[in-house]
């Protein structure tokens, strides 16, 4: 009968970390892009007034 290792599965830890990091990176990228577009687009109007 095979004995199972008592050590936690390292692949499950990586999956859980990716499950948290990917949405956070996506949100960060989304907010960074919208902020950058907002600044670039509206800076023209702010300079003319």
PDB file of N, CA and C in Angstrom:
ATOM      1  N   UNK A   1       0.841  -1.186   0.000  1.00  0.00           N
ATOM      2  CA  UNK A   1       0.000   0.000   0.000  1.00  0.00           C
ATOM      3  C   UNK A   1       0.886   1.250   0.000  1.00  0.00           C
ATOM      4  N   UNK A   2       0.619   2.160  -0.884  1.00  0.00           N
ATOM      5  CA  UNK A   2       1.451   3.357  -1.015  1.00  0.00           C
ATOM      6  C   UNK A   2       1.151   4.340   0.105  1.00  0.00           C
ATOM      7  N   UNK A   3       2.199   4.972   0.592  1.00  0.00           N
ATOM      8  CA  UNK A   3       2.025   5.992   1.624  1.00  0.00           C
ATOM      9  C   UNK A   3       2.030   7.365   0.969  1.00  0.00           C
ATOM     10  N   UNK A   4       1.117   8.201   1.419  1.00  0.00           N
ATOM     11  CA  UNK A   4       1.030   9.547   0.883  1.00  0.00           C
ATOM     12  C   UNK A   4       1.941  10.467   1.674  1.00  0.00           C
ATOM     13  N   UNK A   5       2.530  11.409   1.012  1.00  0.00           N
ATOM     14  CA  UNK A   5       3.427  12.359   1.661  1.00  0.00           C
ATOM     15  C   UNK A   5       2.618  13.289   2.555  1.00  0.00           C
ATOM     16  N   UNK A   6       3.207  13.631   3.687  1.00  0.00           N
ATOM     17  CA  UNK A   6       2.545  14.551   4.615  1.00  0.00           C
ATOM     18  C   UNK A   6       2.746  16.010   4.183  1.00  0.00           C
ATOM     19  N   UNK A   7       3.676  16.244   3.278  1.00  0.00           N
ATOM     20  CA  UNK A   7       3.941  17.611   2.825  1.00  0.00           C
ATOM     21  C   UNK A   7       2.766  18.111   1.987  1.00  0.00           C
ATOM     22  N   UNK A   8       2.444  19.400   2.119  1.00  0.00           N
ATOM     23  CA  UNK A   8       1.349  19.946   1.296  1.00  0.00           C
ATOM     24  C   UNK A   8       1.724  19.933  -0.176  1.00  0.00           C
ATOM     25  N   UNK A   9       0.722  19.813  -0.994  1.00  0.00           N
ATOM     26  CA  UNK A   9       0.935  19.782  -2.438  1.00  0.00           C
ATOM     27  C   UNK A   9       1.370  21.168  -2.907  1.00  0.00           C
ATOM     28  N   UNK A  10       2.548  21.257  -3.473  1.00  0.00           N
ATOM     29  CA  UNK A  10       3.066  22.565  -3.886  1.00  0.00           C
ATOM     30  C   UNK A  10       2.285  23.134  -5.065  1.00  0.00           C
ATOM     31  N   UNK A  11       1.753  22.281  -5.920  1.00  0.00           N
ATOM     32  CA  UNK A  11       1.018  22.785  -7.082  1.00  0.00           C
ATOM     33  C   UNK A  11      -0.287  23.445  -6.667  1.00  0.00           C
ATOM     34  N   UNK A  12      -0.925  22.956  -5.597  1.00  0.00           N
ATOM     35  CA  UNK A  12      -2.170  23.585  -5.160  1.00  0.00           C
ATOM     36  C   UNK A  12      -1.899  24.970  -4.589  1.00  0.00           C
ATOM     37  N   UNK A  13      -0.753  25.146  -3.932  1.00  0.00           N
ATOM     38  CA  UNK A  13      -0.389  26.468  -3.421  1.00  0.00           C
ATOM     39  C   UNK A  13      -0.169  27.461  -4.546  1.00  0.00           C
ATOM     40  N   UNK A  14       0.475  26.997  -5.617  1.00  0.00           N
ATOM     41  CA  UNK A  14       0.700  27.876  -6.765  1.00  0.00           C
ATOM     42  C   UNK A  14      -0.607  28.242  -7.437  1.00  0.00           C
ATOM     43  N   UNK A  15      -1.524  27.276  -7.504  1.00  0.00           N
ATOM     44  CA  UNK A  15      -2.826  27.567  -8.117  1.00  0.00           C
ATOM     45  C   UNK A  15      -3.593  28.583  -7.294  1.00  0.00           C
ATOM     46  N   UNK A  16      -3.560  28.434  -5.966  1.00  0.00           N
ATOM     47  CA  UNK A  16      -4.273  29.384  -5.116  1.00  0.00           C
ATOM     48  C   UNK A  16      -3.658  30.776  -5.235  1.00  0.00           C
ATOM     49  N   UNK A  17      -2.335  30.839  -5.308  1.00  0.00           N
ATOM     50  CA  UNK A  17      -1.672  32.130  -5.438  1.00  0.00           C
ATOM     51  C   UNK A  17      -2.022  32.779  -6.772  1.00  0.00           C
ATOM     52  N   UNK A  18      -2.033  32.012  -7.846  1.00  0.00           N
ATOM     53  CA  UNK A  18      -2.389  32.546  -9.162  1.00  0.00           C
ATOM     54  C   UNK A  18      -3.846  32.989  -9.187  1.00  0.00           C
ATOM     55  N   UNK A  19      -4.718  32.251  -8.485  1.00  0.00           N
ATOM     56  CA  UNK A  19      -6.141  32.595  -8.429  1.00  0.00           C
ATOM     57  C   UNK A  19      -6.336  33.962  -7.789  1.00  0.00           C
ATOM     58  N   UNK A  20      -5.448  34.336  -6.876  1.00  0.00           N
ATOM     59  CA  UNK A  20      -5.542  35.640  -6.223  1.00  0.00           C
ATOM     60  C   UNK A  20      -4.808  36.700  -7.030  1.00  0.00           C
ATOM     61  N   UNK A  21      -3.629  36.374  -7.543  1.00  0.00           N
ATOM     62  CA  UNK A  21      -2.801  37.385  -8.198  1.00  0.00           C
ATOM     63  C   UNK A  21      -3.340  37.817  -9.551  1.00  0.00           C
ATOM     64  N   UNK A  22      -3.870  36.897 -10.332  1.00  0.00           N
ATOM     65  CA  UNK A  22      -4.320  37.248 -11.683  1.00  0.00           C
ATOM     66  C   UNK A  22      -5.448  38.282 -11.657  1.00  0.00           C
ATOM     67  N   UNK A  23      -6.499  38.103 -10.845  1.00  0.00           N
ATOM     68  CA  UNK A  23      -7.524  39.162 -10.796  1.00  0.00           C
ATOM     69  C   UNK A  23      -6.982  40.488 -10.274  1.00  0.00           C
ATOM     70  N   UNK A  24      -6.063  40.446  -9.304  1.00  0.00           N
ATOM     71  CA  UNK A  24      -5.507  41.692  -8.790  1.00  0.00           C
ATOM     72  C   UNK A  24      -4.685  42.406  -9.855  1.00  0.00           C
ATOM     73  N   UNK A  25      -3.889  41.653 -10.591  1.00  0.00           N
ATOM     74  CA  UNK A  25      -3.103  42.261 -11.664  1.00  0.00           C
ATOM     75  C   UNK A  25      -4.006  42.803 -12.763  1.00  0.00           C
ATOM     76  N   UNK A  26      -5.095  42.086 -13.052  1.00  0.00           N
ATOM     77  CA  UNK A  26      -6.039  42.550 -14.070  1.00  0.00           C
ATOM     78  C   UNK A  26      -6.690  43.858 -13.636  1.00  0.00           C
ATOM     79  N   UNK A  27      -7.110  43.928 -12.376  1.00  0.00           N
ATOM     80  CA  UNK A  27      -7.720  45.157 -11.879  1.00  0.00           C
ATOM     81  C   UNK A  27      -6.717  46.304 -11.882  1.00  0.00           C
ATOM     82  N   UNK A  28      -5.498  46.021 -11.454  1.00  0.00           N
ATOM     83  CA  UNK A  28      -4.468  47.059 -11.445  1.00  0.00           C
ATOM     84  C   UNK A  28      -4.217  47.575 -12.857  1.00  0.00           C
ATOM     85  N   UNK A  29      -4.103  46.659 -13.808  1.00  0.00           N
ATOM     86  CA  UNK A  29      -3.860  47.049 -15.199  1.00  0.00           C
ATOM     87  C   UNK A  29      -5.034  47.856 -15.747  1.00  0.00           C
ATOM     88  N   UNK A  30      -6.264  47.433 -15.433  1.00  0.00           N
ATOM     89  CA  UNK A  30      -7.458  48.132 -15.908  1.00  0.00           C
ATOM     90  C   UNK A  30      -7.507  49.554 -15.359  1.00  0.00           C
ATOM     91  N   UNK A  31      -7.291  49.699 -14.046  1.00  0.00           N
ATOM     92  CA  UNK A  31      -7.345  51.030 -13.454  1.00  0.00           C
ATOM     93  C   UNK A  31      -6.196  51.906 -13.934  1.00  0.00           C
ATOM     94  N   UNK A  32      -5.020  51.325 -14.118  1.00  0.00           N
ATOM     95  CA  UNK A  32      -3.887  52.099 -14.625  1.00  0.00           C
ATOM     96  C   UNK A  32      -4.179  52.614 -16.027  1.00  0.00           C
ATOM     97  N   UNK A  33      -4.740  51.755 -16.882  1.00  0.00           N
ATOM     98  CA  UNK A  33      -5.035  52.156 -18.261  1.00  0.00           C
ATOM     99  C   UNK A  33      -6.112  53.227 -18.305  1.00  0.00           C
ATOM    100  N   UNK A  34      -7.166  53.071 -17.528  1.00  0.00           N
ATOM    101  CA  UNK A  34      -8.231  54.073 -17.548  1.00  0.00           C
ATOM    102  C   UNK A  34      -7.730  55.401 -17.000  1.00  0.00           C
ATOM    103  N   UNK A  35      -6.905  55.359 -15.964  1.00  0.00           N
ATOM    104  CA  UNK A  35      -6.346  56.592 -15.412  1.00  0.00           C
ATOM    105  C   UNK A  35      -5.441  57.264 -16.436  1.00  0.00           C
ATOM    106  N   UNK A  36      -4.627  56.483 -17.113  1.00  0.00           N
ATOM    107  CA  UNK A  36      -3.711  57.020 -18.124  1.00  0.00           C
ATOM    108  C   UNK A  36      -4.498  57.636 -19.286  1.00  0.00           C
ATOM    109  N   UNK A  37      -5.536  56.959 -19.740  1.00  0.00           N
ATOM    110  CA  UNK A  37      -6.365  57.479 -20.832  1.00  0.00           C
ATOM    111  C   UNK A  37      -7.069  58.762 -20.394  1.00  0.00           C
ATOM    112  N   UNK A  38      -7.570  58.766 -19.162  1.00  0.00           N
ATOM    113  CA  UNK A  38      -8.248  59.948 -18.640  1.00  0.00           C
ATOM    114  C   UNK A  38      -7.304  61.144 -18.618  1.00  0.00           C
ATOM    115  N   UNK A  39      -6.099  60.947 -18.115  1.00  0.00           N
ATOM    116  CA  UNK A  39      -5.127  62.042 -18.031  1.00  0.00           C
ATOM    117  C   UNK A  39      -4.729  62.523 -19.426  1.00  0.00           C
ATOM    118  N   UNK A  40      -4.430  61.600 -20.326  1.00  0.00           N
ATOM    119  CA  UNK A  40      -3.993  61.990 -21.673  1.00  0.00           C
ATOM    120  C   UNK A  40      -5.112  62.669 -22.451  1.00  0.00           C
ATOM    121  N   UNK A  41      -6.325  62.169 -22.316  1.00  0.00           N
ATOM    122  CA  UNK A  41      -7.437  62.696 -23.094  1.00  0.00           C
ATOM    123  C   UNK A  41      -7.876  64.064 -22.583  1.00  0.00           C
ATOM    124  N   UNK A  42      -7.997  64.201 -21.274  1.00  0.00           N
ATOM    125  CA  UNK A  42      -8.532  65.438 -20.723  1.00  0.00           C
ATOM    126  C   UNK A  42      -7.472  66.492 -20.464  1.00  0.00           C
ATOM    127  N   UNK A  43      -6.200  66.138 -20.607  1.00  0.00           N
ATOM    128  CA  UNK A  43      -5.164  67.154 -20.420  1.00  0.00           C
ATOM    129  C   UNK A  43      -5.244  68.214 -21.513  1.00  0.00           C
ATOM    130  N   UNK A  44      -5.732  67.836 -22.696  1.00  0.00           N
ATOM    131  CA  UNK A  44      -5.908  68.808 -23.775  1.00  0.00           C
ATOM    132  C   UNK A  44      -6.918  69.879 -23.366  1.00  0.00           C
ATOM    133  N   UNK A  45      -8.015  69.437 -22.756  1.00  0.00           N
ATOM    134  CA  UNK A  45      -9.060  70.372 -22.356  1.00  0.00           C
ATOM    135  C   UNK A  45      -8.628  71.217 -21.169  1.00  0.00           C
ATOM    136  N   UNK A  46      -7.820  70.644 -20.300  1.00  0.00           N
ATOM    137  CA  UNK A  46      -7.368  71.398 -19.137  1.00  0.00           C
ATOM    138  C   UNK A  46      -6.361  72.474 -19.538  1.00  0.00           C
ATOM    139  N   UNK A  47      -5.569  72.229 -20.558  1.00  0.00           N
ATOM    140  CA  UNK A  47      -4.569  73.202 -20.987  1.00  0.00           C
ATOM    141  C   UNK A  47      -5.205  74.369 -21.742  1.00  0.00           C
ATOM    142  N   UNK A  48      -6.293  74.135 -22.465  1.00  0.00           N
ATOM    143  CA  UNK A  48      -6.918  75.193 -23.254  1.00  0.00           C
ATOM    144  C   UNK A  48      -7.735  76.147 -22.396  1.00  0.00           C
ATOM    145  N   UNK A  49      -8.204  75.709 -21.248  1.00  0.00           N
ATOM    146  CA  UNK A  49      -9.052  76.588 -20.439  1.00  0.00           C
ATOM    147  C   UNK A  49      -8.265  77.454 -19.487  1.00  0.00           C
TER     148      UNK A  49
END
